[in-house]
N, C-alpha and C. Protein backbone atom coordinates (compact mmCIF):
# COMPACT_ATOMS: atom_id res chain seq x y z
N MET A 1 108.37 76.18 79.28
CA MET A 1 108.85 77.23 80.20
C MET A 1 108.58 78.61 79.57
N ARG A 2 107.90 79.49 80.33
CA ARG A 2 107.58 80.81 79.78
C ARG A 2 108.74 81.74 80.01
N THR A 3 109.15 82.38 78.93
CA THR A 3 110.28 83.30 79.02
C THR A 3 109.80 84.66 79.50
N ALA A 4 110.76 85.50 79.82
CA ALA A 4 110.42 86.87 80.25
C ALA A 4 109.76 87.64 79.14
N THR A 5 110.21 87.38 77.89
CA THR A 5 109.63 88.07 76.74
C THR A 5 108.18 87.72 76.56
N SER A 6 107.89 86.38 76.65
CA SER A 6 106.49 85.97 76.48
C SER A 6 105.63 86.53 77.59
N GLY A 7 106.22 86.62 78.80
CA GLY A 7 105.45 87.19 79.92
C GLY A 7 105.12 88.64 79.67
N ARG A 8 106.09 89.36 79.13
CA ARG A 8 105.82 90.77 78.82
C ARG A 8 104.74 90.91 77.76
N ARG A 9 104.79 90.00 76.75
CA ARG A 9 103.77 90.03 75.70
C ARG A 9 102.38 89.78 76.28
N THR A 10 102.33 88.82 77.20
CA THR A 10 101.04 88.51 77.82
C THR A 10 100.51 89.71 78.58
N MET A 11 101.41 90.35 79.36
CA MET A 11 101.00 91.51 80.12
C MET A 11 100.53 92.65 79.22
N ILE A 12 101.25 92.85 78.11
CA ILE A 12 100.85 93.89 77.16
C ILE A 12 99.49 93.58 76.58
N GLY A 13 99.26 92.29 76.24
CA GLY A 13 97.96 91.89 75.69
C GLY A 13 96.85 92.13 76.68
N VAL A 14 97.09 91.80 77.94
CA VAL A 14 96.08 92.04 78.98
C VAL A 14 95.81 93.52 79.13
N SER A 15 96.88 94.33 79.11
CA SER A 15 96.72 95.77 79.26
C SER A 15 95.92 96.36 78.12
N LEU A 16 96.22 95.91 76.88
CA LEU A 16 95.49 96.41 75.73
C LEU A 16 94.03 96.02 75.79
N ALA A 17 93.78 94.78 76.19
CA ALA A 17 92.39 94.32 76.30
C ALA A 17 91.64 95.12 77.35
N ALA A 18 92.33 95.33 78.48
CA ALA A 18 91.70 96.11 79.54
C ALA A 18 91.42 97.52 79.08
N GLY A 19 92.38 98.10 78.34
CA GLY A 19 92.19 99.44 77.83
C GLY A 19 91.05 99.51 76.85
N ALA A 20 90.92 98.51 76.00
CA ALA A 20 89.83 98.48 75.02
C ALA A 20 88.50 98.38 75.72
N CYS A 21 88.42 97.52 76.75
CA CYS A 21 87.17 97.37 77.50
C CYS A 21 86.82 98.66 78.21
N ALA A 22 87.88 99.28 78.80
CA ALA A 22 87.62 100.55 79.48
C ALA A 22 87.11 101.59 78.51
N GLY A 23 87.72 101.63 77.31
CA GLY A 23 87.27 102.57 76.29
C GLY A 23 85.85 102.29 75.87
N LEU A 24 85.52 101.00 75.73
CA LEU A 24 84.16 100.62 75.36
C LEU A 24 83.19 101.05 76.43
N GLY A 25 83.64 100.90 77.69
CA GLY A 25 82.78 101.30 78.79
C GLY A 25 82.49 102.78 78.75
N VAL A 26 83.50 103.56 78.41
CA VAL A 26 83.31 105.01 78.30
C VAL A 26 82.34 105.34 77.19
N LEU A 27 82.48 104.63 76.06
CA LEU A 27 81.58 104.87 74.93
C LEU A 27 80.15 104.52 75.30
N ILE A 28 79.98 103.40 75.97
CA ILE A 28 78.63 102.98 76.36
C ILE A 28 78.03 103.98 77.34
N ALA A 29 78.84 104.43 78.28
CA ALA A 29 78.35 105.38 79.26
C ALA A 29 77.97 106.70 78.61
N ALA A 30 78.68 107.07 77.54
CA ALA A 30 78.43 108.35 76.89
C ALA A 30 77.27 108.31 75.91
N ALA A 31 76.81 107.10 75.56
CA ALA A 31 75.72 106.98 74.60
C ALA A 31 74.46 107.62 75.16
N PRO A 32 73.77 108.48 74.41
CA PRO A 32 72.57 109.14 74.93
C PRO A 32 71.41 108.19 75.08
N SER A 33 70.56 108.48 76.05
CA SER A 33 69.35 107.68 76.25
C SER A 33 68.34 108.03 75.17
N ALA A 34 67.26 107.23 75.13
CA ALA A 34 66.21 107.49 74.14
C ALA A 34 65.57 108.85 74.37
N ASP A 35 65.39 109.21 75.65
CA ASP A 35 64.78 110.50 75.96
C ASP A 35 65.70 111.65 75.55
N GLU A 36 67.01 111.46 75.78
CA GLU A 36 67.96 112.49 75.39
C GLU A 36 68.02 112.65 73.88
N SER A 37 67.95 111.53 73.16
CA SER A 37 67.97 111.59 71.70
C SER A 37 66.73 112.30 71.19
N ALA A 38 65.58 111.99 71.78
CA ALA A 38 64.33 112.63 71.35
C ALA A 38 64.37 114.13 71.61
N ALA A 39 64.95 114.50 72.78
CA ALA A 39 65.04 115.91 73.12
C ALA A 39 65.96 116.65 72.15
N ALA A 40 67.02 115.96 71.74
CA ALA A 40 67.98 116.59 70.83
C ALA A 40 67.39 116.84 69.46
N THR A 41 66.45 115.98 69.03
CA THR A 41 65.86 116.11 67.70
C THR A 41 64.51 116.82 67.72
N ALA A 42 64.00 117.14 68.90
CA ALA A 42 62.70 117.81 68.99
C ALA A 42 62.80 119.22 68.43
N PRO A 43 61.73 119.70 67.78
CA PRO A 43 61.75 121.06 67.23
C PRO A 43 61.98 122.09 68.33
N SER A 44 62.71 123.11 68.02
CA SER A 44 62.96 124.19 68.98
C SER A 44 62.16 125.42 68.54
N ASN A 45 61.71 126.19 69.51
CA ASN A 45 60.93 127.37 69.21
C ASN A 45 61.84 128.60 69.19
N PRO A 46 61.92 129.30 68.06
CA PRO A 46 62.84 130.44 67.91
C PRO A 46 62.24 131.74 68.46
N TYR A 47 61.66 131.68 69.64
CA TYR A 47 61.08 132.88 70.24
C TYR A 47 61.02 132.68 71.75
N ALA A 48 60.74 133.75 72.46
CA ALA A 48 60.67 133.68 73.91
C ALA A 48 59.65 134.69 74.42
N PHE A 49 59.09 134.39 75.59
CA PHE A 49 58.12 135.27 76.24
C PHE A 49 58.73 135.86 77.51
N THR A 50 58.25 137.02 77.87
CA THR A 50 58.67 137.63 79.14
C THR A 50 57.88 136.97 80.27
N GLU A 51 58.24 137.31 81.50
CA GLU A 51 57.52 136.78 82.65
C GLU A 51 56.07 137.24 82.66
N ASP A 52 55.79 138.36 82.00
CA ASP A 52 54.43 138.90 81.93
C ASP A 52 53.64 138.33 80.76
N GLY A 53 54.25 137.41 80.01
CA GLY A 53 53.53 136.79 78.90
C GLY A 53 53.61 137.55 77.60
N GLU A 54 54.44 138.59 77.54
CA GLU A 54 54.62 139.31 76.28
C GLU A 54 55.64 138.58 75.41
N LEU A 55 55.43 138.66 74.12
CA LEU A 55 56.34 138.01 73.18
C LEU A 55 57.50 138.94 72.85
N ARG A 56 58.73 138.45 73.02
CA ARG A 56 59.89 139.22 72.59
C ARG A 56 59.97 139.14 71.06
N ARG A 57 60.30 140.24 70.43
CA ARG A 57 60.34 140.23 68.97
C ARG A 57 61.38 139.22 68.47
N PRO A 58 60.94 138.22 67.71
CA PRO A 58 61.86 137.19 67.21
C PRO A 58 62.96 137.77 66.34
N GLN A 59 64.11 137.13 66.38
CA GLN A 59 65.28 137.59 65.64
C GLN A 59 65.53 136.68 64.43
N ASP A 60 66.20 137.24 63.44
CA ASP A 60 66.69 136.47 62.28
C ASP A 60 65.59 135.79 61.47
N TYR A 61 64.37 136.28 61.53
CA TYR A 61 63.28 135.61 60.83
C TYR A 61 63.41 135.67 59.31
N ARG A 62 64.21 136.60 58.81
CA ARG A 62 64.40 136.65 57.35
C ARG A 62 65.23 135.48 56.83
N THR A 63 65.80 134.70 57.74
CA THR A 63 66.52 133.48 57.34
C THR A 63 65.60 132.27 57.34
N TRP A 64 64.33 132.44 57.71
CA TRP A 64 63.38 131.34 57.76
C TRP A 64 62.84 131.03 56.36
N ILE A 65 61.82 130.17 56.32
CA ILE A 65 61.20 129.79 55.05
C ILE A 65 60.29 130.92 54.57
N TYR A 66 60.61 131.46 53.42
CA TYR A 66 59.80 132.54 52.85
C TYR A 66 58.57 131.95 52.18
N MET A 67 57.38 132.37 52.64
CA MET A 67 56.13 131.84 52.13
C MET A 67 55.61 132.61 50.93
N GLY A 68 55.72 133.94 50.96
CA GLY A 68 55.21 134.75 49.87
C GLY A 68 54.95 136.17 50.32
N SER A 69 54.43 137.00 49.40
CA SER A 69 54.17 138.41 49.69
C SER A 69 52.83 138.85 49.10
N PRO A 70 51.72 138.47 49.73
CA PRO A 70 50.41 138.89 49.20
C PRO A 70 50.23 140.40 49.32
N LEU A 71 49.39 140.93 48.45
CA LEU A 71 49.14 142.37 48.41
C LEU A 71 47.70 142.62 47.97
N THR A 72 47.01 143.51 48.71
CA THR A 72 45.68 143.96 48.30
C THR A 72 45.74 145.50 48.20
N PRO A 73 46.17 146.03 47.07
CA PRO A 73 46.43 147.46 46.95
C PRO A 73 45.17 148.31 46.97
N ASN A 74 45.32 149.53 47.42
CA ASN A 74 44.19 150.46 47.44
C ASN A 74 43.59 150.63 46.04
N ASP A 75 44.47 150.64 45.02
CA ASP A 75 44.01 150.87 43.65
C ASP A 75 42.93 149.88 43.22
N MET A 76 42.96 148.69 43.76
CA MET A 76 42.01 147.65 43.36
C MET A 76 40.89 147.45 44.37
N ASN A 77 40.83 148.33 45.38
CA ASN A 77 39.84 148.20 46.44
C ASN A 77 39.18 149.53 46.78
N ASN A 78 38.79 150.24 45.73
CA ASN A 78 38.08 151.51 45.88
C ASN A 78 38.83 152.52 46.75
N GLY A 79 40.16 152.40 46.73
CA GLY A 79 40.98 153.38 47.44
C GLY A 79 41.10 153.15 48.93
N SER A 80 40.53 152.07 49.45
CA SER A 80 40.58 151.86 50.91
C SER A 80 40.66 150.38 51.24
N ALA A 81 41.75 149.75 50.86
CA ALA A 81 41.96 148.33 51.17
C ALA A 81 42.22 148.15 52.66
N ALA A 82 41.76 147.03 53.20
CA ALA A 82 41.99 146.75 54.62
C ALA A 82 43.47 146.56 54.91
N PHE A 83 44.17 145.98 53.94
CA PHE A 83 45.61 145.73 54.10
C PHE A 83 46.31 146.18 52.81
N PRO A 84 46.59 147.46 52.67
CA PRO A 84 47.10 147.99 51.40
C PRO A 84 48.60 147.78 51.18
N GLU A 85 49.28 147.16 52.15
CA GLU A 85 50.72 146.99 52.03
C GLU A 85 51.09 145.54 51.67
N PHE A 86 52.33 145.36 51.24
CA PHE A 86 52.85 144.01 51.02
C PHE A 86 53.01 143.32 52.38
N HIS A 87 52.77 142.02 52.39
CA HIS A 87 53.02 141.22 53.58
C HIS A 87 54.07 140.16 53.23
N ASN A 88 55.31 140.38 53.65
CA ASN A 88 56.35 139.37 53.45
C ASN A 88 56.24 138.37 54.60
N VAL A 89 55.94 137.12 54.28
CA VAL A 89 55.58 136.15 55.31
C VAL A 89 56.62 135.02 55.39
N TYR A 90 56.99 134.68 56.64
CA TYR A 90 58.02 133.67 56.88
C TYR A 90 57.52 132.64 57.92
N LEU A 91 57.88 131.38 57.71
CA LEU A 91 57.56 130.29 58.63
C LEU A 91 58.85 129.73 59.20
N ASP A 92 58.85 129.42 60.51
CA ASP A 92 60.08 128.90 61.10
C ASP A 92 60.43 127.54 60.49
N PRO A 93 61.72 127.23 60.32
CA PRO A 93 62.17 126.02 59.60
C PRO A 93 61.65 124.71 60.18
N ASP A 94 61.62 124.56 61.52
CA ASP A 94 61.15 123.31 62.11
C ASP A 94 59.68 123.05 61.76
N SER A 95 58.89 124.10 61.76
CA SER A 95 57.47 123.94 61.42
C SER A 95 57.30 123.59 59.95
N TYR A 96 58.14 124.15 59.10
CA TYR A 96 58.09 123.82 57.68
C TYR A 96 58.43 122.35 57.46
N GLU A 97 59.43 121.85 58.16
CA GLU A 97 59.80 120.44 58.03
C GLU A 97 58.65 119.53 58.46
N GLN A 98 57.99 119.88 59.55
CA GLN A 98 56.88 119.06 60.01
C GLN A 98 55.69 119.18 59.06
N TYR A 99 55.50 120.35 58.48
CA TYR A 99 54.40 120.55 57.54
C TYR A 99 54.59 119.65 56.32
N LYS A 100 55.83 119.49 55.90
CA LYS A 100 56.12 118.59 54.78
C LYS A 100 55.80 117.14 55.13
N GLN A 101 56.00 116.78 56.38
CA GLN A 101 55.80 115.39 56.79
C GLN A 101 54.34 115.08 57.14
N THR A 102 53.67 116.00 57.82
CA THR A 102 52.33 115.72 58.35
C THR A 102 51.22 116.53 57.70
N GLY A 103 51.58 117.62 57.03
CA GLY A 103 50.55 118.47 56.44
C GLY A 103 49.85 119.35 57.45
N GLU A 104 50.42 119.46 58.66
CA GLU A 104 49.81 120.26 59.72
C GLU A 104 50.85 121.19 60.32
N PHE A 105 50.37 122.30 60.88
CA PHE A 105 51.24 123.21 61.60
C PHE A 105 51.41 122.69 63.02
N ARG A 106 52.66 122.50 63.42
CA ARG A 106 52.94 121.92 64.73
C ARG A 106 52.58 122.88 65.85
N ASP A 107 52.36 122.35 67.04
CA ASP A 107 52.20 123.18 68.22
C ASP A 107 53.55 123.85 68.49
N GLY A 108 53.56 125.14 68.53
CA GLY A 108 54.82 125.89 68.66
C GLY A 108 55.20 126.61 67.39
N ALA A 109 54.46 126.39 66.32
CA ALA A 109 54.78 127.05 65.04
C ALA A 109 54.66 128.56 65.17
N ILE A 110 55.51 129.27 64.45
CA ILE A 110 55.43 130.73 64.41
C ILE A 110 55.54 131.20 62.97
N ILE A 111 54.69 132.14 62.62
CA ILE A 111 54.70 132.78 61.31
C ILE A 111 54.92 134.27 61.53
N MET A 112 55.90 134.82 60.82
CA MET A 112 56.20 136.24 60.91
C MET A 112 55.68 136.95 59.66
N LYS A 113 55.14 138.14 59.87
CA LYS A 113 54.62 138.93 58.75
C LYS A 113 55.25 140.32 58.80
N GLU A 114 55.99 140.64 57.76
CA GLU A 114 56.66 141.93 57.66
C GLU A 114 55.87 142.82 56.71
N LEU A 115 55.45 143.98 57.20
CA LEU A 115 54.64 144.89 56.40
C LEU A 115 55.53 145.87 55.65
N VAL A 116 55.29 145.99 54.34
CA VAL A 116 56.10 146.86 53.49
C VAL A 116 55.16 147.68 52.60
N SER A 117 55.42 148.96 52.50
CA SER A 117 54.56 149.83 51.70
C SER A 117 54.69 149.53 50.21
N VAL A 118 53.69 149.96 49.46
CA VAL A 118 53.79 149.93 48.01
C VAL A 118 54.65 151.12 47.60
N GLY A 119 55.71 150.84 46.87
CA GLY A 119 56.60 151.92 46.43
C GLY A 119 56.22 152.39 45.04
N THR A 120 57.14 152.33 44.15
CA THR A 120 56.87 152.75 42.78
C THR A 120 55.95 151.75 42.07
N LYS A 121 55.29 152.22 41.04
CA LYS A 121 54.40 151.36 40.26
C LYS A 121 54.88 151.20 38.84
N SER A 122 56.14 151.50 38.64
CA SER A 122 56.71 151.29 37.32
C SER A 122 58.19 150.95 37.46
N SER A 123 58.67 150.19 36.50
CA SER A 123 60.07 149.78 36.48
C SER A 123 60.47 149.59 35.03
N PHE A 124 61.75 149.31 34.78
CA PHE A 124 62.19 149.10 33.41
C PHE A 124 61.48 147.92 32.77
N SER A 125 60.98 147.00 33.60
CA SER A 125 60.29 145.81 33.09
C SER A 125 58.83 146.07 32.77
N GLY A 126 58.28 147.19 33.26
CA GLY A 126 56.89 147.51 32.99
C GLY A 126 56.20 148.06 34.23
N LYS A 127 54.88 148.20 34.13
CA LYS A 127 54.09 148.72 35.25
C LYS A 127 53.72 147.58 36.19
N GLY A 128 53.63 147.92 37.48
CA GLY A 128 53.28 146.91 38.48
C GLY A 128 53.35 147.51 39.87
N TYR A 129 53.36 146.63 40.87
CA TYR A 129 53.47 147.08 42.25
C TYR A 129 54.82 146.61 42.79
N PHE A 130 55.62 147.55 43.27
CA PHE A 130 56.95 147.22 43.75
C PHE A 130 57.09 147.69 45.21
N GLN A 131 57.84 146.93 45.98
CA GLN A 131 57.93 147.21 47.41
C GLN A 131 58.66 148.51 47.69
N GLY A 132 58.18 149.19 48.75
CA GLY A 132 58.76 150.46 49.15
C GLY A 132 59.53 150.37 50.45
N GLU A 133 58.93 150.86 51.55
CA GLU A 133 59.62 150.94 52.84
C GLU A 133 58.98 150.01 53.87
N PHE A 134 59.80 149.58 54.84
CA PHE A 134 59.28 148.75 55.92
C PHE A 134 58.35 149.57 56.81
N LEU A 135 57.22 148.95 57.18
CA LEU A 135 56.23 149.63 58.00
C LEU A 135 56.05 149.00 59.37
N GLY A 136 56.18 147.67 59.45
CA GLY A 136 55.93 147.02 60.73
C GLY A 136 56.15 145.52 60.67
N VAL A 137 55.98 144.88 61.80
CA VAL A 137 56.17 143.43 61.93
C VAL A 137 55.08 142.86 62.82
N GLU A 138 54.53 141.71 62.40
CA GLU A 138 53.53 141.01 63.19
C GLU A 138 53.90 139.53 63.28
N ALA A 139 53.27 138.83 64.19
CA ALA A 139 53.57 137.40 64.37
C ALA A 139 52.32 136.65 64.79
N MET A 140 52.27 135.38 64.47
CA MET A 140 51.23 134.50 64.98
C MET A 140 51.90 133.20 65.44
N ILE A 141 51.50 132.74 66.63
CA ILE A 141 52.10 131.55 67.24
C ILE A 141 51.01 130.57 67.61
N LYS A 142 51.23 129.31 67.29
CA LYS A 142 50.28 128.25 67.63
C LYS A 142 50.75 127.57 68.91
N SER A 143 49.96 127.67 69.97
CA SER A 143 50.33 127.08 71.24
C SER A 143 49.08 126.73 72.05
N GLU A 144 48.85 125.45 72.20
CA GLU A 144 47.69 125.00 72.99
C GLU A 144 47.85 125.40 74.45
N ASP A 145 49.08 125.41 74.94
CA ASP A 145 49.34 125.75 76.33
C ASP A 145 49.06 127.22 76.61
N ARG A 146 49.51 128.11 75.73
CA ARG A 146 49.36 129.56 75.96
C ARG A 146 48.02 130.11 75.47
N PHE A 147 47.47 129.51 74.43
CA PHE A 147 46.24 130.05 73.84
C PHE A 147 45.17 128.96 73.72
N PRO A 148 44.79 128.32 74.82
CA PRO A 148 43.86 127.20 74.75
C PRO A 148 42.46 127.59 74.27
N ASP A 149 42.09 128.84 74.45
CA ASP A 149 40.74 129.29 74.10
C ASP A 149 40.69 130.06 72.79
N GLU A 150 41.84 130.24 72.14
CA GLU A 150 41.88 130.96 70.88
C GLU A 150 41.60 130.00 69.72
N PRO A 151 40.91 130.46 68.69
CA PRO A 151 40.66 129.59 67.53
C PRO A 151 41.95 129.00 66.97
N GLY A 152 41.99 127.67 66.88
CA GLY A 152 43.17 127.01 66.36
C GLY A 152 44.37 127.10 67.27
N ASN A 153 44.17 127.64 68.48
CA ASN A 153 45.27 127.87 69.44
C ASN A 153 46.32 128.85 68.90
N TRP A 154 45.88 129.76 68.03
CA TRP A 154 46.79 130.77 67.47
C TRP A 154 46.68 132.07 68.26
N GLY A 155 47.83 132.63 68.64
CA GLY A 155 47.89 133.94 69.25
C GLY A 155 48.53 134.91 68.28
N PHE A 156 48.02 136.14 68.20
CA PHE A 156 48.50 137.13 67.23
C PHE A 156 49.17 138.31 67.96
N PHE A 157 50.26 138.79 67.40
CA PHE A 157 51.05 139.85 68.03
C PHE A 157 51.43 140.91 67.00
N ARG A 158 51.50 142.15 67.47
CA ARG A 158 51.85 143.27 66.59
C ARG A 158 52.97 144.08 67.25
N PHE A 159 54.10 144.16 66.57
CA PHE A 159 55.26 144.89 67.09
C PHE A 159 55.37 146.31 66.55
N THR A 160 54.53 146.65 65.62
CA THR A 160 54.58 147.99 65.03
C THR A 160 54.31 149.05 66.10
N ASP A 161 55.15 150.06 66.14
CA ASP A 161 54.98 151.16 67.10
C ASP A 161 54.04 152.18 66.47
N GLU A 162 52.78 152.09 66.83
CA GLU A 162 51.76 152.95 66.21
C GLU A 162 51.98 154.43 66.54
N LYS A 163 52.43 154.72 67.76
CA LYS A 163 52.66 156.11 68.13
C LYS A 163 53.76 156.72 67.29
N ALA A 164 54.83 155.96 67.11
CA ALA A 164 55.95 156.45 66.29
C ALA A 164 55.51 156.62 64.84
N ALA A 165 54.69 155.68 64.36
CA ALA A 165 54.20 155.76 62.99
C ALA A 165 53.36 157.01 62.78
N ALA A 166 52.54 157.35 63.78
CA ALA A 166 51.69 158.54 63.69
C ALA A 166 52.52 159.81 63.65
N GLU A 167 53.72 159.74 64.20
CA GLU A 167 54.63 160.88 64.20
C GLU A 167 55.52 160.91 62.97
N GLY A 168 55.26 159.95 62.05
CA GLY A 168 56.02 159.94 60.81
C GLY A 168 57.24 159.04 60.83
N ARG A 169 57.50 158.38 61.95
CA ARG A 169 58.65 157.48 62.03
C ARG A 169 58.21 156.07 61.66
N LEU A 170 58.00 155.86 60.37
CA LEU A 170 57.51 154.58 59.87
C LEU A 170 58.55 153.48 60.07
N GLY A 171 58.07 152.30 60.36
CA GLY A 171 58.97 151.17 60.53
C GLY A 171 59.52 151.01 61.92
N SER A 172 59.14 151.89 62.85
CA SER A 172 59.61 151.77 64.23
C SER A 172 58.92 150.57 64.89
N LEU A 173 59.70 149.80 65.64
CA LEU A 173 59.19 148.56 66.23
C LEU A 173 59.38 148.54 67.73
N ARG A 174 58.46 147.87 68.42
CA ARG A 174 58.60 147.61 69.85
C ARG A 174 59.39 146.31 70.04
N THR A 175 60.02 146.18 71.17
CA THR A 175 60.81 144.97 71.45
C THR A 175 59.95 143.83 71.97
N VAL A 176 58.78 144.16 72.53
CA VAL A 176 57.85 143.14 73.02
C VAL A 176 56.44 143.50 72.59
N ALA A 177 55.55 142.49 72.59
CA ALA A 177 54.16 142.74 72.21
C ALA A 177 53.25 141.80 72.98
N SER A 178 52.08 142.31 73.35
CA SER A 178 51.06 141.50 74.01
C SER A 178 50.17 140.85 72.96
N VAL A 179 49.53 139.76 73.31
CA VAL A 179 48.67 139.07 72.37
C VAL A 179 47.46 139.96 72.05
N ASN A 180 47.08 139.98 70.78
CA ASN A 180 45.95 140.81 70.35
C ASN A 180 44.62 140.19 70.77
N ALA A 181 43.60 141.02 70.82
CA ALA A 181 42.26 140.52 71.09
C ALA A 181 41.83 139.60 69.95
N THR A 182 41.09 138.56 70.27
CA THR A 182 40.68 137.56 69.29
C THR A 182 40.01 138.19 68.08
N ALA A 183 39.09 139.09 68.32
CA ALA A 183 38.30 139.66 67.23
C ALA A 183 39.15 140.45 66.23
N SER A 184 40.30 140.96 66.68
CA SER A 184 41.09 141.81 65.80
C SER A 184 41.85 141.03 64.74
N CYS A 185 42.05 139.73 64.94
CA CYS A 185 42.82 138.95 63.97
C CYS A 185 42.15 137.63 63.59
N SER A 186 41.75 136.86 64.59
CA SER A 186 41.21 135.53 64.31
C SER A 186 39.96 135.58 63.44
N ALA A 187 39.15 136.61 63.63
CA ALA A 187 37.91 136.70 62.85
C ALA A 187 38.21 136.75 61.36
N CYS A 188 39.26 137.48 60.99
CA CYS A 188 39.66 137.55 59.58
C CYS A 188 40.21 136.22 59.09
N HIS A 189 40.95 135.54 59.96
CA HIS A 189 41.63 134.31 59.56
C HIS A 189 40.69 133.11 59.43
N THR A 190 39.42 133.30 59.77
CA THR A 190 38.47 132.20 59.57
C THR A 190 38.28 131.90 58.09
N ALA A 191 38.63 132.85 57.24
CA ALA A 191 38.51 132.66 55.79
C ALA A 191 39.71 131.92 55.21
N ALA A 192 40.69 131.61 56.05
CA ALA A 192 41.90 130.92 55.58
C ALA A 192 41.58 129.48 55.19
N ALA A 193 42.36 128.96 54.26
CA ALA A 193 42.09 127.62 53.72
C ALA A 193 42.45 126.51 54.69
N HIS A 194 43.46 126.71 55.52
CA HIS A 194 43.89 125.62 56.39
C HIS A 194 44.41 126.14 57.72
N ASP A 195 43.76 125.74 58.80
CA ASP A 195 44.21 126.04 60.16
C ASP A 195 44.52 127.52 60.36
N TYR A 196 43.62 128.36 59.90
CA TYR A 196 43.71 129.81 60.09
C TYR A 196 44.92 130.44 59.39
N VAL A 197 45.50 129.71 58.44
CA VAL A 197 46.60 130.24 57.63
C VAL A 197 46.14 130.27 56.18
N PHE A 198 46.37 131.38 55.49
CA PHE A 198 45.90 131.55 54.12
C PHE A 198 46.76 130.77 53.13
N THR A 199 46.77 129.47 53.30
CA THR A 199 47.60 128.64 52.43
C THR A 199 47.17 128.72 50.97
N GLN A 200 45.93 129.15 50.71
CA GLN A 200 45.47 129.27 49.33
C GLN A 200 46.26 130.34 48.56
N HIS A 201 46.95 131.21 49.30
CA HIS A 201 47.72 132.28 48.66
C HIS A 201 49.23 132.00 48.67
N TYR A 202 49.62 130.83 49.16
CA TYR A 202 51.04 130.51 49.28
C TYR A 202 51.36 129.20 48.57
N PRO A 203 51.76 129.25 47.31
CA PRO A 203 52.10 128.02 46.59
C PRO A 203 53.25 127.25 47.23
N VAL A 204 54.11 127.95 47.96
CA VAL A 204 55.21 127.26 48.65
C VAL A 204 54.64 126.26 49.66
N LEU A 205 53.61 126.66 50.40
CA LEU A 205 53.00 125.76 51.37
C LEU A 205 52.15 124.70 50.71
N ARG A 206 51.43 125.07 49.68
CA ARG A 206 50.59 124.08 48.99
C ARG A 206 51.44 122.94 48.43
N ALA A 207 52.60 123.28 47.90
CA ALA A 207 53.47 122.25 47.34
C ALA A 207 54.11 121.41 48.43
N ALA A 208 54.37 122.00 49.59
CA ALA A 208 55.09 121.31 50.65
C ALA A 208 54.20 120.38 51.48
N ARG A 209 52.90 120.64 51.52
CA ARG A 209 52.03 119.88 52.42
C ARG A 209 52.05 118.39 52.09
N ASN A 210 52.46 117.60 53.09
CA ASN A 210 52.55 116.14 52.96
C ASN A 210 53.51 115.69 51.87
N ALA A 211 54.40 116.56 51.44
CA ALA A 211 55.30 116.21 50.33
C ALA A 211 56.33 115.16 50.72
N LYS A 212 56.71 115.11 52.00
CA LYS A 212 57.72 114.16 52.50
C LYS A 212 59.10 114.43 51.92
N ARG A 213 59.28 115.52 51.24
CA ARG A 213 60.54 115.80 50.56
C ARG A 213 60.56 117.31 50.25
N ASN A 214 61.62 117.76 49.61
CA ASN A 214 61.67 119.14 49.14
C ASN A 214 61.02 119.22 47.76
N PRO A 215 59.81 119.72 47.66
CA PRO A 215 59.06 119.65 46.40
C PRO A 215 59.70 120.41 45.24
N GLU A 216 60.54 121.41 45.56
CA GLU A 216 61.15 122.18 44.48
C GLU A 216 62.16 121.35 43.70
N ASN A 217 62.52 120.19 44.24
CA ASN A 217 63.50 119.32 43.55
C ASN A 217 62.85 118.32 42.59
N ASP A 218 61.54 118.31 42.52
CA ASP A 218 60.83 117.37 41.64
C ASP A 218 61.06 117.73 40.17
């Protein structure tokens, strides 16, 4: 004979089981699909274009992967170097991660180049070339969709406000920039070691290529 107490226990057990199943159902329903998971882990592009196809000046690029600061000073180029300023160069983090895994720059990669003048040539540590003032900002983006006819699918942009610079307001920047003509940038980058990027001058990239890990920890 089943007592009232045992009946209550049975009902409680059924309720708990039903609640557990319902909870499991909620968990199953909330589990992301394969497509959603892939979308969540897919690299994101830290830049945007206007409706007219101009590139908005990327933000926070100084928090990206610092590649290096090449310099070709006037002093070593008969007083007229093509690029007499420092170039502080940054690569977006998602592209750096893929570069470590595949050894290639992903479609969507962006490299920022910050132009800085040569400042003083002496310091307490000795003579040399030391950075001065900010002069401008440039960018290059790899996109087969946007630049199908450009070498390597790279598009080049210049945010430096040339008019302001001519008036003595160095470092003034535009908020948007149109893609440069191919001859003005790509022609020079044909001398680059890998995919139109001067990796021969960036030990950070040389060490990272196909490393599958953070090479600085070796």
